[in-house]
Amino acid sequence: MRIIPAIDIIDGKCVRLTKGDYGTKKVYSESPLDIAKAFEDAGIQYLHVVDLDGAKAQHIVNYKILERITSKTSLKIDFGGGLKSNEDLHIAFNSGAKQITGGSIAVKDPEMFESWLKKYGSSKIILGADTNNNKIAISGWTEESNKKVIPFIKGYQRKGVQYVICTDISKDGMLEGPSTELYKNIIQECSNASADQSIKLIASGGISSLDDLDQVRAIGCEGVIIGKAIYENKITLKDLERYS
């Protein structure tokens, strides 16, 4: 299972929110690059970067920070937050992202999202399936769509999606454990779907301990995103060495 620390960016700073609420912003570092370098020094290979300014603005904003991290580390970065146009994707990939995550766009403009899958391939385009009350949430989690999470994922699986990041918003930033039942159901349902390949599910939200990591690994998650647990020293970078 891949360990993927998260860096969320507002105003050029490394922050964390609780349940996606911008009013709960806590700044952990003035320099996302310093945080990224610390991850790399600890043997981490992957990084999840979220442009929270971009999510609000509905277009890419913090690509210069992405460029700085990719040019000064060897971390493989998946980048998301406000990617809504071909130009946004061009900028993200040009700035060094290995993968991009599309969430709201997959709900609001499926034709655009599917065109990205065709153009860049399923190894580079991640489906963001952020959920609240079993419904897909969009627009920086400020809106709840009418799409249920498992049918939503299965629909895109049939169109070639390979990677899926699923965040249970009710768990995000709470340090109360992940939605293992949700992830178990997704993996079970999607392995039965009529598709060429099973999805690679990346768990996100609520990770607070090594036990949580062992749980999501045991149910078959391909990766796990860890945010606040690292910043609040619930899980140390030394602890993560056993997963490398």
Protein backbone atom coordinates (compact mmCIF):
# COMPACT_ATOMS: atom_id res chain seq x y z
CA MET A 1 0.00 0.00 0.00
CA ARG A 2 1.35 3.40 -1.00
CA ILE A 3 1.71 6.02 1.74
CA ILE A 4 0.77 9.44 0.38
CA PRO A 5 1.17 12.45 2.68
CA ALA A 6 -0.96 15.48 1.87
CA ILE A 7 -0.05 19.12 1.49
CA ASP A 8 -3.03 21.48 1.27
CA ILE A 9 -2.22 25.01 0.15
CA ILE A 10 -3.89 28.34 0.94
CA ASP A 11 -2.09 31.64 0.32
CA GLY A 12 1.11 29.73 -0.43
CA LYS A 13 1.11 28.07 3.01
CA CYS A 14 0.74 24.48 4.15
CA VAL A 15 -2.59 24.22 5.99
CA ARG A 16 -5.17 21.69 7.18
CA LEU A 17 -8.92 22.10 7.38
CA THR A 18 -11.51 20.14 9.34
CA LYS A 19 -14.30 18.61 7.22
CA GLY A 20 -13.25 20.93 4.40
CA ASP A 21 -14.37 24.05 6.28
CA TYR A 22 -12.14 26.98 5.33
CA GLY A 23 -13.06 28.62 8.64
CA THR A 24 -11.12 25.89 10.48
CA LYS A 25 -7.85 26.62 8.67
CA LYS A 26 -4.70 25.87 10.65
CA VAL A 27 -1.32 26.85 9.21
CA TYR A 28 1.41 24.26 9.75
CA SER A 29 4.17 25.77 7.65
CA GLU A 30 4.91 28.87 5.63
CA SER A 31 6.88 26.68 3.21
CA PRO A 32 5.21 23.69 1.51
CA LEU A 33 8.60 22.96 -0.09
CA ASP A 34 10.25 22.46 3.32
CA ILE A 35 7.48 20.03 4.30
CA ALA A 36 7.85 18.16 0.99
CA LYS A 37 11.61 17.88 1.49
CA ALA A 38 11.08 16.48 4.99
CA PHE A 39 8.79 13.81 3.51
CA GLU A 40 11.36 12.97 0.86
CA ASP A 41 14.17 12.78 3.44
CA ALA A 42 12.05 10.23 5.35
CA GLY A 43 11.87 7.97 2.31
CA ILE A 44 8.41 9.00 1.15
CA GLN A 45 7.96 8.73 -2.63
CA TYR A 46 4.45 10.10 -3.20
CA LEU A 47 2.68 13.35 -2.36
CA HIS A 48 -0.92 14.54 -2.62
CA VAL A 49 -1.09 18.32 -3.20
CA VAL A 50 -4.40 20.17 -3.00
CA ASP A 51 -4.75 23.71 -4.27
CA LEU A 52 -7.47 24.94 -1.90
CA ASP A 53 -7.29 28.44 -3.40
CA GLY A 54 -7.86 26.79 -6.77
CA ALA A 55 -10.84 24.81 -5.46
CA LYS A 56 -12.44 28.09 -4.38
CA ALA A 57 -11.49 30.02 -7.53
CA GLN A 58 -12.53 27.15 -9.87
CA HIS A 59 -9.20 27.23 -11.68
CA ILE A 60 -5.58 26.37 -10.89
CA VAL A 61 -3.87 28.94 -8.63
CA ASN A 62 -0.86 27.50 -6.78
CA TYR A 63 0.99 25.95 -9.72
CA LYS A 64 4.19 27.85 -8.89
CA ILE A 65 4.40 25.98 -5.59
CA LEU A 66 3.78 22.71 -7.42
CA GLU A 67 6.61 23.63 -9.81
CA ARG A 68 8.92 24.45 -6.89
CA ILE A 69 8.29 21.10 -5.19
CA THR A 70 8.64 19.03 -8.37
CA SER A 71 11.84 20.81 -9.41
CA LYS A 72 13.50 20.46 -6.01
CA THR A 73 12.38 16.97 -4.97
CA SER A 74 11.87 13.62 -6.68
CA LEU A 75 8.40 13.14 -5.16
CA LYS A 76 5.68 11.82 -7.47
CA ILE A 77 2.84 14.29 -7.04
CA ASP A 78 -0.85 14.00 -7.70
CA PHE A 79 -2.38 17.46 -7.85
CA GLY A 80 -5.98 18.59 -7.46
CA GLY A 81 -8.16 21.55 -6.58
CA GLY A 82 -10.11 23.61 -9.07
CA LEU A 83 -8.95 21.87 -12.25
CA LYS A 84 -11.75 22.71 -14.66
CA SER A 85 -10.25 23.25 -18.12
CA ASN A 86 -7.76 21.83 -20.59
CA GLU A 87 -5.55 24.80 -19.82
CA ASP A 88 -5.61 23.97 -16.07
CA LEU A 89 -4.46 20.43 -16.86
CA HIS A 90 -1.76 21.65 -19.21
CA ILE A 91 -0.43 23.96 -16.49
CA ALA A 92 -0.53 21.22 -13.82
CA PHE A 93 1.32 18.66 -15.93
CA ASN A 94 3.71 21.32 -17.21
CA SER A 95 4.46 22.22 -13.59
CA GLY A 96 5.51 18.64 -12.88
CA ALA A 97 2.42 16.81 -11.63
CA LYS A 98 2.54 13.06 -12.38
CA GLN A 99 -1.22 12.71 -11.91
CA ILE A 100 -4.16 15.07 -11.49
CA THR A 101 -7.36 14.55 -9.54
CA GLY A 102 -10.71 15.63 -10.96
CA GLY A 103 -13.76 15.61 -8.70
CA SER A 104 -16.34 18.34 -9.37
CA ILE A 105 -15.53 18.30 -13.09
CA ALA A 106 -16.45 14.60 -13.27
CA VAL A 107 -19.93 15.52 -11.98
CA LYS A 108 -20.51 18.83 -13.71
CA ASP A 109 -18.81 18.20 -17.05
CA PRO A 110 -18.37 14.45 -17.61
CA GLU A 111 -17.54 14.98 -21.29
CA MET A 112 -14.54 17.11 -20.34
CA PHE A 113 -13.38 14.59 -17.73
CA GLU A 114 -13.73 11.70 -20.17
CA SER A 115 -11.74 13.64 -22.78
CA TRP A 116 -8.91 13.94 -20.23
CA LEU A 117 -9.00 10.18 -19.69
CA LYS A 118 -8.69 9.63 -23.44
CA LYS A 119 -5.97 12.22 -23.94
CA TYR A 120 -3.73 11.48 -20.94
CA GLY A 121 -4.65 7.88 -20.06
CA SER A 122 -6.05 6.31 -16.92
CA SER A 123 -2.67 6.19 -15.19
CA LYS A 124 -2.56 10.00 -15.07
CA ILE A 125 -6.18 10.95 -14.31
CA ILE A 126 -7.54 10.17 -10.83
CA LEU A 127 -11.26 10.28 -10.09
CA GLY A 128 -11.98 12.27 -6.94
CA ALA A 129 -14.99 10.71 -5.23
CA ASP A 130 -15.46 12.88 -2.14
CA THR A 131 -18.54 11.81 -0.24
CA ASN A 132 -20.88 13.11 2.42
CA ASN A 133 -23.98 11.15 3.50
CA ASN A 134 -23.17 8.64 0.73
CA LYS A 135 -23.50 11.39 -1.92
CA ILE A 136 -20.71 12.91 -4.01
CA ALA A 137 -19.77 16.40 -2.80
CA ILE A 138 -18.47 19.03 -5.22
CA SER A 139 -17.23 22.63 -5.45
CA GLY A 140 -14.70 22.37 -2.64
CA TRP A 141 -17.22 20.29 -0.66
CA THR A 142 -19.67 23.19 -0.47
CA GLU A 143 -22.32 21.38 -2.54
CA GLU A 144 -23.79 17.91 -2.33
CA SER A 145 -24.70 16.33 -5.66
CA ASN A 146 -27.47 13.77 -6.16
CA LYS A 147 -24.96 11.08 -7.20
CA LYS A 148 -24.39 8.14 -4.87
CA VAL A 149 -20.75 7.27 -4.37
CA ILE A 150 -20.59 3.62 -5.51
CA PRO A 151 -22.67 3.99 -8.72
CA PHE A 152 -20.64 7.13 -9.49
CA ILE A 153 -17.35 5.23 -9.20
CA LYS A 154 -18.64 2.19 -11.10
CA GLY A 155 -19.86 4.42 -13.94
CA TYR A 156 -16.39 5.87 -14.43
CA GLN A 157 -14.75 2.49 -13.92
CA ARG A 158 -16.62 1.32 -17.01
CA LYS A 159 -15.17 4.34 -18.85
CA GLY A 160 -11.62 3.37 -17.96
CA VAL A 161 -10.91 5.07 -14.64
CA GLN A 162 -8.20 3.20 -12.77
CA TYR A 163 -7.36 5.36 -9.74
CA VAL A 164 -9.98 6.67 -7.30
CA ILE A 165 -9.41 8.86 -4.24
CA CYS A 166 -12.37 8.59 -1.88
CA THR A 167 -12.59 11.03 1.01
CA ASP A 168 -15.33 10.68 3.60
CA ILE A 169 -15.83 14.36 4.42
CA SER A 170 -17.35 13.59 7.83
CA LYS A 171 -14.03 11.98 8.79
CA ASP A 172 -11.65 14.48 7.22
CA GLY A 173 -9.37 16.16 9.75
CA MET A 174 -11.19 14.54 12.68
CA LEU A 175 -8.48 11.99 13.60
CA GLU A 176 -11.23 9.50 14.50
CA GLY A 177 -10.40 6.68 12.09
CA PRO A 178 -11.19 6.06 8.40
CA SER A 179 -14.40 4.84 6.74
CA THR A 180 -13.29 1.23 6.42
CA GLU A 181 -16.81 -0.09 5.77
CA LEU A 182 -17.27 2.39 2.92
CA TYR A 183 -13.94 1.41 1.37
CA LYS A 184 -14.67 -2.29 1.82
CA ASN A 185 -18.01 -1.84 0.02
CA ILE A 186 -16.43 0.13 -2.82
CA ILE A 187 -13.70 -2.46 -3.39
CA GLN A 188 -16.21 -5.31 -3.25
CA GLU A 189 -18.73 -3.66 -5.58
CA CYS A 190 -16.15 -2.46 -8.07
CA SER A 191 -14.33 -5.78 -8.26
CA ASN A 192 -17.65 -7.26 -9.41
CA ALA A 193 -18.22 -4.59 -12.04
CA SER A 194 -17.94 -5.44 -15.72
CA ALA A 195 -14.63 -3.70 -16.30
CA ASP A 196 -11.26 -4.64 -17.69
CA GLN A 197 -9.56 -3.99 -14.38
CA SER A 198 -10.30 -3.43 -10.71
CA ILE A 199 -9.95 0.10 -9.44
CA LYS A 200 -7.01 1.21 -7.34
CA LEU A 201 -8.73 2.78 -4.33
CA ILE A 202 -6.91 5.44 -2.32
CA ALA A 203 -8.37 6.02 1.13
CA SER A 204 -8.50 9.56 2.49
CA GLY A 205 -9.85 11.08 5.69
CA GLY A 206 -9.69 10.20 9.37
CA ILE A 207 -6.36 8.37 9.52
CA SER A 208 -5.06 8.79 13.07
CA SER A 209 -2.84 5.78 13.89
CA LEU A 210 -0.81 2.90 12.52
CA ASP A 211 -3.77 0.63 13.32
CA ASP A 212 -5.87 2.71 10.90
CA LEU A 213 -3.24 2.20 8.21
CA ASP A 214 -3.22 -1.54 8.83
CA GLN A 215 -7.02 -1.60 8.52
CA VAL A 216 -7.17 0.10 5.14
CA ARG A 217 -4.29 -2.03 3.89
CA ALA A 218 -6.09 -5.21 5.03
CA ILE A 219 -9.25 -4.39 3.05
CA GLY A 220 -7.26 -3.84 -0.13
CA CYS A 221 -6.75 -0.09 -0.54
CA GLU A 222 -3.95 0.60 -3.02
CA GLY A 223 -2.92 3.80 -1.27
CA VAL A 224 -3.76 5.99 1.70
CA ILE A 225 -3.56 9.76 2.09
CA ILE A 226 -2.40 11.03 5.48
CA GLY A 227 -2.67 14.66 6.51
CA LYS A 228 -3.40 15.95 9.99
CA ALA A 229 -2.12 12.77 11.71
CA ILE A 230 1.39 13.64 10.50
CA TYR A 231 1.14 17.35 11.27
CA GLU A 232 -0.21 16.67 14.77
CA ASN A 233 2.46 13.97 15.40
CA LYS A 234 -0.09 11.17 15.81
CA ILE A 235 1.96 9.31 13.20
CA THR A 236 5.65 10.09 12.79
CA LEU A 237 7.60 9.88 9.56
CA LYS A 238 9.74 7.24 11.30
CA ASP A 239 6.58 5.17 11.89
CA LEU A 240 5.89 5.18 8.15
CA GLU A 241 9.18 3.49 7.29
CA ARG A 242 7.61 0.08 7.92
CA TYR A 243 5.28 0.62 4.94
CA SER A 244 8.00 1.51 2.45
